[in-house]
C-alpha atoms as a PDB file:
ATOM      1  CA  MET A   1     -12.946   6.335  25.710  1.00  0.00           C
ATOM      2  CA  ARG A   2     -13.396   2.670  25.153  1.00  0.00           C
ATOM      3  CA  MET A   3     -10.290   1.153  23.749  1.00  0.00           C
ATOM      4  CA  THR A   4      -9.106  -2.289  22.865  1.00  0.00           C
ATOM      5  CA  LEU A   5      -5.470  -2.633  21.939  1.00  0.00           C
ATOM      6  CA  ALA A   6      -4.611  -6.193  21.043  1.00  0.00           C
ATOM      7  CA  LEU A   7      -1.161  -7.426  20.132  1.00  0.00           C
ATOM      8  CA  LEU A   8      -1.368 -10.626  18.123  1.00  0.00           C
ATOM      9  CA  LEU A   9       1.909 -12.463  17.894  1.00  0.00           C
ATOM     10  CA  GLY A  10       1.365 -14.552  14.763  1.00  0.00           C
ATOM     11  CA  LEU A  11       4.679 -16.191  14.062  1.00  0.00           C
ATOM     12  CA  LEU A  12       4.240 -17.018  10.379  1.00  0.00           C
ATOM     13  CA  LEU A  13       7.298 -17.353   8.179  1.00  0.00           C
ATOM     14  CA  LEU A  14       6.939 -15.167   5.123  1.00  0.00           C
ATOM     15  CA  SER A  15       8.429 -17.813   2.911  1.00  0.00           C
ATOM     16  CA  GLY A  16       5.596 -20.155   3.799  1.00  0.00           C
ATOM     17  CA  CYS A  17       2.950 -17.519   3.092  1.00  0.00           C
ATOM     18  CA  ASP A  18       4.387 -16.281  -0.194  1.00  0.00           C
ATOM     19  CA  ASN A  19       5.842 -19.487  -1.601  1.00  0.00           C
ATOM     20  CA  THR A  20       9.185 -17.699  -1.866  1.00  0.00           C
ATOM     21  CA  ASN A  21      12.563 -18.401  -0.344  1.00  0.00           C
ATOM     22  CA  ASP A  22      13.544 -15.549   1.964  1.00  0.00           C
ATOM     23  CA  ASN A  23      17.160 -16.786   1.946  1.00  0.00           C
ATOM     24  CA  GLU A  24      17.489 -16.643  -1.836  1.00  0.00           C
ATOM     25  CA  GLN A  25      20.224 -14.256  -2.951  1.00  0.00           C
ATOM     26  CA  PRO A  26      19.273 -11.631  -5.549  1.00  0.00           C
ATOM     27  CA  GLN A  27      20.983 -11.871  -8.911  1.00  0.00           C
ATOM     28  CA  PRO A  28      24.182  -9.825  -9.016  1.00  0.00           C
ATOM     29  CA  GLU A  29      23.933  -6.440 -10.657  1.00  0.00           C
ATOM     30  CA  THR A  30      26.834  -4.153 -11.450  1.00  0.00           C
ATOM     31  CA  SER A  31      25.616  -0.728 -10.340  1.00  0.00           C
ATOM     32  CA  ALA A  32      25.451   1.581  -7.355  1.00  0.00           C
ATOM     33  CA  HIS A  33      22.140  -0.167  -6.617  1.00  0.00           C
ATOM     34  CA  SER A  34      24.010  -3.264  -5.412  1.00  0.00           C
ATOM     35  CA  THR A  35      25.252  -3.681  -1.849  1.00  0.00           C
ATOM     36  CA  SER A  36      27.701  -6.057  -0.206  1.00  0.00           C
ATOM     37  CA  GLU A  37      26.739  -9.704  -0.231  1.00  0.00           C
ATOM     38  CA  ARG A  38      25.056 -10.834   2.961  1.00  0.00           C
ATOM     39  CA  PRO A  39      22.279 -13.357   3.613  1.00  0.00           C
ATOM     40  CA  LEU A  40      18.738 -12.074   3.400  1.00  0.00           C
ATOM     41  CA  PRO A  41      16.921 -12.222   6.744  1.00  0.00           C
ATOM     42  CA  THR A  42      14.267 -14.780   7.520  1.00  0.00           C
ATOM     43  CA  LEU A  43      11.266 -12.635   8.401  1.00  0.00           C
ATOM     44  CA  THR A  44       8.673 -13.444  11.026  1.00  0.00           C
ATOM     45  CA  ARG A  45       5.560 -11.314  11.200  1.00  0.00           C
ATOM     46  CA  ILE A  46       4.101  -9.694  14.305  1.00  0.00           C
ATOM     47  CA  ARG A  47       0.532  -8.443  13.980  1.00  0.00           C
ATOM     48  CA  PHE A  48      -0.924  -5.426  15.734  1.00  0.00           C
ATOM     49  CA  GLU A  49      -4.528  -4.306  16.011  1.00  0.00           C
ATOM     50  CA  LEU A  50      -5.832  -1.035  17.396  1.00  0.00           C
ATOM     51  CA  LYS A  51      -9.579  -0.519  17.892  1.00  0.00           C
ATOM     52  CA  LYS A  52     -11.217   2.593  19.313  1.00  0.00           C
ATOM     53  CA  THR A  53     -14.724   3.993  19.472  1.00  0.00           C
ATOM     54  CA  ALA A  54     -15.986   7.444  20.314  1.00  0.00           C
ATOM     55  CA  PRO A  55     -16.363   8.211  24.052  1.00  0.00           C
ATOM     56  CA  GLN A  56     -19.788   7.995  25.648  1.00  0.00           C
ATOM     57  CA  CYS A  57     -21.323   6.494  22.542  1.00  0.00           C
ATOM     58  CA  ASP A  58     -23.146   3.173  22.716  1.00  0.00           C
ATOM     59  CA  GLY A  59     -25.127   3.245  19.488  1.00  0.00           C
ATOM     60  CA  GLU A  60     -24.779   0.994  16.489  1.00  0.00           C
ATOM     61  CA  HIS A  61     -23.240   3.743  14.358  1.00  0.00           C
ATOM     62  CA  CYS A  62     -20.750   5.194  16.848  1.00  0.00           C
ATOM     63  CA  PRO A  63     -17.639   6.704  15.236  1.00  0.00           C
ATOM     64  CA  ARG A  64     -14.887   4.098  15.277  1.00  0.00           C
ATOM     65  CA  VAL A  65     -11.325   3.423  14.188  1.00  0.00           C
ATOM     66  CA  GLN A  66      -9.631   0.128  13.420  1.00  0.00           C
ATOM     67  CA  VAL A  67      -5.987  -0.105  12.373  1.00  0.00           C
ATOM     68  CA  ASN A  68      -4.156  -3.373  11.638  1.00  0.00           C
ATOM     69  CA  TRP A  69      -0.470  -3.441  10.794  1.00  0.00           C
ATOM     70  CA  LEU A  70       2.650  -5.572  10.745  1.00  0.00           C
ATOM     71  CA  ASN A  71       6.051  -5.556  12.330  1.00  0.00           C
ATOM     72  CA  TYR A  72       8.792  -8.134  11.870  1.00  0.00           C
ATOM     73  CA  GLU A  73      10.914  -9.858  14.497  1.00  0.00           C
ATOM     74  CA  GLU A  74      14.421  -8.420  14.852  1.00  0.00           C
ATOM     75  CA  GLN A  75      13.833  -5.770  12.157  1.00  0.00           C
ATOM     76  CA  PRO A  76      13.765  -2.459  14.078  1.00  0.00           C
ATOM     77  CA  VAL A  77      14.612  -0.260  11.079  1.00  0.00           C
ATOM     78  CA  LEU A  78      11.907  -1.830   8.929  1.00  0.00           C
ATOM     79  CA  ASN A  79       9.360  -1.707  11.755  1.00  0.00           C
ATOM     80  CA  LYS A  80       9.957   1.990  12.369  1.00  0.00           C
ATOM     81  CA  ALA A  81       9.685   2.659   8.638  1.00  0.00           C
ATOM     82  CA  ILE A  82       6.357   0.803   8.440  1.00  0.00           C
ATOM     83  CA  GLU A  83       4.861   2.707  11.362  1.00  0.00           C
ATOM     84  CA  ASN A  84       6.095   6.047  10.007  1.00  0.00           C
ATOM     85  CA  ARG A  85       4.609   5.319   6.579  1.00  0.00           C
ATOM     86  CA  LEU A  86       1.305   4.210   8.130  1.00  0.00           C
ATOM     87  CA  ALA A  87       1.186   7.332  10.310  1.00  0.00           C
ATOM     88  CA  SER A  88       1.835   9.485   7.232  1.00  0.00           C
ATOM     89  CA  MET A  89      -1.142   7.888   5.520  1.00  0.00           C
ATOM     90  CA  LEU A  90      -3.367   8.531   8.549  1.00  0.00           C
ATOM     91  CA  VAL A  91      -2.205  12.156   8.737  1.00  0.00           C
ATOM     92  CA  ARG A  92      -3.561  12.705   5.235  1.00  0.00           C
ATOM     93  CA  LEU A  93      -6.922  11.285   6.312  1.00  0.00           C
ATOM     94  CA  GLN A  94      -7.469  13.035   9.648  1.00  0.00           C
ATOM     95  CA  GLY A  95      -8.959  16.497  10.041  1.00  0.00           C
ATOM     96  CA  ASP A  96      -8.344  19.451  12.350  1.00  0.00           C
ATOM     97  CA  ALA A  97      -7.786  17.855  15.761  1.00  0.00           C
ATOM     98  CA  THR A  98      -4.276  18.019  17.223  1.00  0.00           C
ATOM     99  CA  HIS A  99      -2.245  14.838  17.547  1.00  0.00           C
ATOM    100  CA  ASP A 100       1.256  13.633  18.410  1.00  0.00           C
ATOM    101  CA  GLY A 101       1.869  11.905  15.080  1.00  0.00           C
ATOM    102  CA  SER A 102       1.590   8.370  16.483  1.00  0.00           C
ATOM    103  CA  ILE A 103      -0.852   5.783  15.141  1.00  0.00           C
ATOM    104  CA  GLU A 104      -2.894   5.896  18.359  1.00  0.00           C
ATOM    105  CA  GLY A 105      -2.723   9.684  18.473  1.00  0.00           C
ATOM    106  CA  LEU A 106      -4.072   9.907  14.930  1.00  0.00           C
ATOM    107  CA  ALA A 107      -6.894   7.517  15.817  1.00  0.00           C
ATOM    108  CA  ASP A 108      -7.781   9.780  18.742  1.00  0.00           C
ATOM    109  CA  ALA A 109      -7.685  12.819  16.438  1.00  0.00           C
ATOM    110  CA  PHE A 110     -10.190  11.231  14.052  1.00  0.00           C
ATOM    111  CA  LEU A 111     -12.573  10.498  16.925  1.00  0.00           C
ATOM    112  CA  ALA A 112     -12.085  14.029  18.274  1.00  0.00           C
ATOM    113  CA  ASP A 113     -13.072  15.425  14.873  1.00  0.00           C
ATOM    114  CA  ALA A 114     -16.106  13.144  14.901  1.00  0.00           C
ATOM    115  CA  SER A 115     -17.138  14.392  18.347  1.00  0.00           C
ATOM    116  CA  ASP A 116     -17.189  17.950  17.002  1.00  0.00           C
ATOM    117  CA  MET A 117     -19.749  16.976  14.360  1.00  0.00           C
ATOM    118  CA  ALA A 118     -23.299  16.749  15.702  1.00  0.00           C
ATOM    119  CA  MET A 119     -24.397  14.173  13.110  1.00  0.00           C
ATOM    120  CA  SER A 120     -21.383  11.848  13.299  1.00  0.00           C
ATOM    121  CA  PRO A 121     -23.062   9.248  15.624  1.00  0.00           C
ATOM    122  CA  GLU A 122     -25.947   8.933  13.174  1.00  0.00           C
ATOM    123  CA  GLN A 123     -23.721   8.987  10.093  1.00  0.00           C
ATOM    124  CA  GLY A 124     -21.420   6.240  11.318  1.00  0.00           C
ATOM    125  CA  TRP A 125     -18.041   7.881  10.892  1.00  0.00           C
ATOM    126  CA  GLU A 126     -15.304   5.294  10.505  1.00  0.00           C
ATOM    127  CA  LEU A 127     -11.632   5.009   9.685  1.00  0.00           C
ATOM    128  CA  ASN A 128     -10.054   1.670   8.788  1.00  0.00           C
ATOM    129  CA  ALA A 129      -6.451   1.067   7.799  1.00  0.00           C
ATOM    130  CA  THR A 130      -4.621  -2.184   7.119  1.00  0.00           C
ATOM    131  CA  VAL A 131      -1.015  -3.035   6.322  1.00  0.00           C
ATOM    132  CA  LYS A 132      -0.499  -6.380   4.566  1.00  0.00           C
ATOM    133  CA  GLN A 133       2.438  -8.192   3.115  1.00  0.00           C
ATOM    134  CA  GLN A 134       1.857  -8.457  -0.611  1.00  0.00           C
ATOM    135  CA  ARG A 135       5.049 -10.211  -1.711  1.00  0.00           C
ATOM    136  CA  ASN A 136       8.557 -11.138  -0.595  1.00  0.00           C
ATOM    137  CA  ALA A 137      10.884 -12.147  -3.431  1.00  0.00           C
ATOM    138  CA  ASN A 138      14.328 -11.336  -4.815  1.00  0.00           C
ATOM    139  CA  GLY A 139      15.282  -9.298  -1.768  1.00  0.00           C
ATOM    140  CA  LEU A 140      12.261  -7.016  -2.160  1.00  0.00           C
ATOM    141  CA  LEU A 141       9.490  -6.917   0.448  1.00  0.00           C
ATOM    142  CA  THR A 142       6.300  -5.297  -0.848  1.00  0.00           C
ATOM    143  CA  LEU A 143       3.602  -4.089   1.532  1.00  0.00           C
ATOM    144  CA  SER A 144       0.138  -2.800   0.750  1.00  0.00           C
ATOM    145  CA  MET A 145      -1.457  -0.097   2.876  1.00  0.00           C
ATOM    146  CA  GLU A 146      -5.211   0.137   2.475  1.00  0.00           C
ATOM    147  CA  SER A 147      -7.529   2.644   4.089  1.00  0.00           C
ATOM    148  CA  TYR A 148     -11.205   3.509   4.105  1.00  0.00           C
ATOM    149  CA  GLU A 149     -12.597   6.716   5.550  1.00  0.00           C
ATOM    150  CA  TYR A 150     -16.272   7.574   5.889  1.00  0.00           C
ATOM    151  CA  THR A 151     -17.380  10.936   7.290  1.00  0.00           C
ATOM    152  CA  GLY A 152     -20.906  11.082   5.925  1.00  0.00           C
ATOM    153  CA  GLY A 153     -22.235  11.529   2.440  1.00  0.00           C
ATOM    154  CA  ALA A 154     -23.012   9.084  -0.325  1.00  0.00           C
ATOM    155  CA  HIS A 155     -19.958   6.904   0.165  1.00  0.00           C
ATOM    156  CA  GLY A 156     -16.601   6.616   1.868  1.00  0.00           C
ATOM    157  CA  GLN A 157     -13.146   7.090   0.409  1.00  0.00           C
ATOM    158  CA  PRO A 158     -11.030   3.977  -0.188  1.00  0.00           C
ATOM    159  CA  ASN A 159      -7.312   4.205  -0.882  1.00  0.00           C
ATOM    160  CA  VAL A 160      -4.497   1.728  -1.443  1.00  0.00           C
ATOM    161  CA  GLY A 161      -0.759   2.225  -1.800  1.00  0.00           C
ATOM    162  CA  TYR A 162       2.139  -0.167  -2.397  1.00  0.00           C
ATOM    163  CA  TYR A 163       5.565   0.247  -0.824  1.00  0.00           C
ATOM    164  CA  HIS A 164       8.790  -1.632  -1.511  1.00  0.00           C
ATOM    165  CA  TRP A 165      11.474  -2.305   1.091  1.00  0.00           C
ATOM    166  CA  ASP A 166      14.929  -3.393  -0.043  1.00  0.00           C
ATOM    167  CA  LEU A 167      15.995  -5.983   2.529  1.00  0.00           C
ATOM    168  CA  LYS A 168      19.709  -5.455   1.887  1.00  0.00           C
ATOM    169  CA  GLN A 169      19.772  -1.672   1.647  1.00  0.00           C
ATOM    170  CA  GLN A 170      17.221  -1.390   4.488  1.00  0.00           C
ATOM    171  CA  GLN A 171      15.293   1.405   2.808  1.00  0.00           C
ATOM    172  CA  TRP A 172      12.167   2.148   0.804  1.00  0.00           C
ATOM    173  CA  LEU A 173      12.438   2.040  -2.977  1.00  0.00           C
ATOM    174  CA  ALA A 174      10.263   4.160  -5.258  1.00  0.00           C
ATOM    175  CA  LEU A 175       8.823   2.760  -8.474  1.00  0.00           C
ATOM    176  CA  GLU A 176      11.565   4.413 -10.523  1.00  0.00           C
ATOM    177  CA  ASP A 177      14.186   2.621  -8.409  1.00  0.00           C
ATOM    178  CA  LEU A 178      12.875  -0.679  -9.767  1.00  0.00           C
ATOM    179  CA  LEU A 179      13.573   0.400 -13.346  1.00  0.00           C
ATOM    180  CA  VAL A 180      16.769   0.189 -15.361  1.00  0.00           C
ATOM    181  CA  PRO A 181      18.266   3.699 -15.514  1.00  0.00           C
ATOM    182  CA  GLY A 182      17.207   5.490 -18.693  1.00  0.00           C
ATOM    183  CA  GLN A 183      14.187   3.225 -19.268  1.00  0.00           C
ATOM    184  CA  GLN A 184      11.516   5.388 -17.644  1.00  0.00           C
ATOM    185  CA  ALA A 185      10.110   6.576 -20.979  1.00  0.00           C
ATOM    186  CA  ALA A 186       9.921   3.010 -22.293  1.00  0.00           C
ATOM    187  CA  PHE A 187       8.182   1.913 -19.109  1.00  0.00           C
ATOM    188  CA  TRP A 188       5.477   4.570 -19.274  1.00  0.00           C
ATOM    189  CA  SER A 189       4.982   3.961 -22.988  1.00  0.00           C
ATOM    190  CA  LEU A 190       4.288   0.335 -22.124  1.00  0.00           C
ATOM    191  CA  ALA A 191       1.887   1.479 -19.389  1.00  0.00           C
ATOM    192  CA  GLU A 192       0.009   3.698 -21.853  1.00  0.00           C
ATOM    193  CA  GLN A 193      -0.403   0.727 -24.178  1.00  0.00           C
ATOM    194  CA  ALA A 194      -1.840  -1.297 -21.280  1.00  0.00           C
ATOM    195  CA  HIS A 195      -4.185   1.591 -20.501  1.00  0.00           C
ATOM    196  CA  THR A 196      -5.470   1.637 -24.096  1.00  0.00           C
ATOM    197  CA  GLN A 197      -6.052  -2.111 -23.922  1.00  0.00           C
ATOM    198  CA  TRP A 198      -7.977  -1.629 -20.680  1.00  0.00           C
ATOM    199  CA  LEU A 199     -10.161   1.068 -22.261  1.00  0.00           C
ATOM    200  CA  ASP A 200     -10.856  -1.222 -25.208  1.00  0.00           C
ATOM    201  CA  SER A 201     -11.705  -4.155 -22.940  1.00  0.00           C
ATOM    202  CA  GLN A 202     -14.254  -1.950 -21.127  1.00  0.00           C
ATOM    203  CA  ALA A 203     -15.691  -0.705 -24.451  1.00  0.00           C
ATOM    204  CA  LEU A 204     -15.331   2.879 -23.259  1.00  0.00           C
ATOM    205  CA  ASP A 205     -16.191   5.636 -25.723  1.00  0.00           C
ATOM    206  CA  GLU A 206     -14.236   8.717 -26.775  1.00  0.00           C
ATOM    207  CA  THR A 207     -16.050  10.942 -24.287  1.00  0.00           C
ATOM    208  CA  PHE A 208     -14.814   8.754 -21.428  1.00  0.00           C
ATOM    209  CA  ARG A 209     -11.288   8.650 -22.843  1.00  0.00           C
ATOM    210  CA  GLU A 210     -11.138  12.429 -23.064  1.00  0.00           C
ATOM    211  CA  SER A 211     -12.552  12.859 -19.552  1.00  0.00           C
ATOM    212  CA  TRP A 212     -10.303  10.225 -17.965  1.00  0.00           C
ATOM    213  CA  PRO A 213      -6.921  10.261 -19.750  1.00  0.00           C
ATOM    214  CA  PHE A 214      -3.934   8.122 -18.865  1.00  0.00           C
ATOM    215  CA  GLU A 215      -1.908   9.206 -15.843  1.00  0.00           C
ATOM    216  CA  LYS A 216       1.172   7.862 -14.130  1.00  0.00           C
ATOM    217  CA  THR A 217       0.952   6.232 -10.711  1.00  0.00           C
ATOM    218  CA  ASP A 218       3.448   5.681  -7.910  1.00  0.00           C
ATOM    219  CA  ASP A 219       1.739   2.451  -6.831  1.00  0.00           C
ATOM    220  CA  ALA A 220       2.807  -0.850  -8.360  1.00  0.00           C
ATOM    221  CA  PHE A 221       3.469  -4.414  -7.304  1.00  0.00           C
ATOM    222  CA  PHE A 222       4.577  -7.707  -8.818  1.00  0.00           C
ATOM    223  CA  ASN A 223       2.363 -10.771  -9.151  1.00  0.00           C
ATOM    224  CA  ASP A 224       2.508 -13.991 -11.164  1.00  0.00           C
ATOM    225  CA  GLN A 225       1.615 -12.196 -14.398  1.00  0.00           C
ATOM    226  CA  GLY A 226       3.921  -9.198 -14.256  1.00  0.00           C
ATOM    227  CA  MET A 227       4.003  -5.747 -12.741  1.00  0.00           C
ATOM    228  CA  VAL A 228       0.609  -4.371 -11.774  1.00  0.00           C
ATOM    229  CA  LEU A 229      -0.007  -0.625 -11.779  1.00  0.00           C
ATOM    230  CA  GLN A 230      -2.599   0.310  -9.155  1.00  0.00           C
ATOM    231  CA  TYR A 231      -4.911   3.315  -9.452  1.00  0.00           C
ATOM    232  CA  ASN A 232      -7.225   4.697  -6.812  1.00  0.00           C
ATOM    233  CA  VAL A 233     -10.752   5.990  -7.318  1.00  0.00           C
ATOM    234  CA  TYR A 234     -11.036   9.170  -9.388  1.00  0.00           C
ATOM    235  CA  HIS A 235      -7.528   8.648 -10.798  1.00  0.00           C
ATOM    236  CA  ILE A 236      -8.209   7.281 -14.286  1.00  0.00           C
ATOM    237  CA  ALA A 237     -11.877   6.397 -13.841  1.00  0.00           C
ATOM    238  CA  PRO A 238     -14.956   7.528 -11.856  1.00  0.00           C
ATOM    239  CA  TYR A 239     -15.719   6.229  -8.367  1.00  0.00           C
ATOM    240  CA  ALA A 240     -18.202   3.648  -9.671  1.00  0.00           C
ATOM    241  CA  MET A 241     -15.410   1.831 -11.531  1.00  0.00           C
ATOM    242  CA  GLY A 242     -13.429   1.253  -8.361  1.00  0.00           C
ATOM    243  CA  GLN A 243      -9.648   1.000  -8.290  1.00  0.00           C
ATOM    244  CA  PRO A 244      -8.441  -0.034 -11.762  1.00  0.00           C
ATOM    245  CA  THR A 245      -5.238  -1.976 -12.378  1.00  0.00           C
ATOM    246  CA  LEU A 246      -3.059  -2.274 -15.465  1.00  0.00           C
ATOM    247  CA  VAL A 247      -0.877  -5.373 -15.905  1.00  0.00           C
ATOM    248  CA  LEU A 248       2.489  -5.155 -17.659  1.00  0.00           C
ATOM    249  CA  PRO A 249       3.581  -8.717 -18.575  1.00  0.00           C
ATOM    250  CA  TYR A 250       7.023  -9.897 -17.534  1.00  0.00           C
ATOM    251  CA  ASP A 251       8.115 -10.642 -21.104  1.00  0.00           C
ATOM    252  CA  LYS A 252       7.647  -6.963 -21.977  1.00  0.00           C
ATOM    253  CA  LEU A 253       9.541  -5.758 -18.909  1.00  0.00           C
ATOM    254  CA  GLU A 254      12.882  -7.324 -19.808  1.00  0.00           C
ATOM    255  CA  GLY A 255      15.445  -4.592 -20.164  1.00  0.00           C
ATOM    256  CA  ILE A 256      13.069  -2.094 -18.529  1.00  0.00           C
ATOM    257  CA  VAL A 257      12.733  -3.410 -14.964  1.00  0.00           C
ATOM    258  CA  ARG A 258      15.976  -4.253 -13.173  1.00  0.00           C
ATOM    259  CA  GLU A 259      16.825  -7.905 -13.682  1.00  0.00           C
ATOM    260  CA  THR A 260      17.137  -8.333  -9.923  1.00  0.00           C
ATOM    261  CA  TYR A 261      13.365  -7.997  -9.512  1.00  0.00           C
ATOM    262  CA  LEU A 262      12.267 -10.148 -12.454  1.00  0.00           C
ATOM    263  CA  PRO A 263      11.568 -13.856 -11.922  1.00  0.00           C
ATOM    264  CA  ALA A 264      14.412 -16.197 -12.891  1.00  0.00           C
ATOM    265  CA  GLY A 265      14.125 -17.234 -16.525  1.00  0.00           C
END
């Protein structure tokens, strides 16, 4: 099997990439969510790339895998968590072949599944996955994990997820962990309002609205406008409409999202 495994040591300070100060202390919060005061780490990214193609295949459409992900210098707990989360995503994508649960093992399993399919060299089976840093602010590191799988047919299957790492607690946080306790109902009411506005902006009729009702999502991230709820294909809209997003402005999130994660006034 032809394999290229390249380790790219790109020493880029996250603060320079995100225009945020990695040493900024989060605002104090009186709750079990808070931890002892200690400086936030300065993070330096390490980039990995894994490329593999099917054995004994030299054609233009040979089955192939490409996985790009990040680690961070002197952050072993975070690095292990990233690789475990990435492997979990690849497990959901791979088929019947056995594997050891590692990123490389899952890449091999995809190619093994492809080798069992007579048409895979002509169909151009492929699996791509990428981990990117989306944001680093207020003690919260947010990563996106994107994947694309094609195993024949009219089109492939894209997917994106967002994951939040608390730099002080050294653990993943779910979307509900970002909310003020007891404000979940208010949050999802606000999301439903944003969904209605999105439907109106797309001039979608009642038939569409009945076929594709509002649903909750676990994927969200912060940007300059507010909190963005991310939906994958077939979640609240058909494949042709891509991966819709709903934006909840910061001014409407006060008292709903923990103050720690909102931009300073």
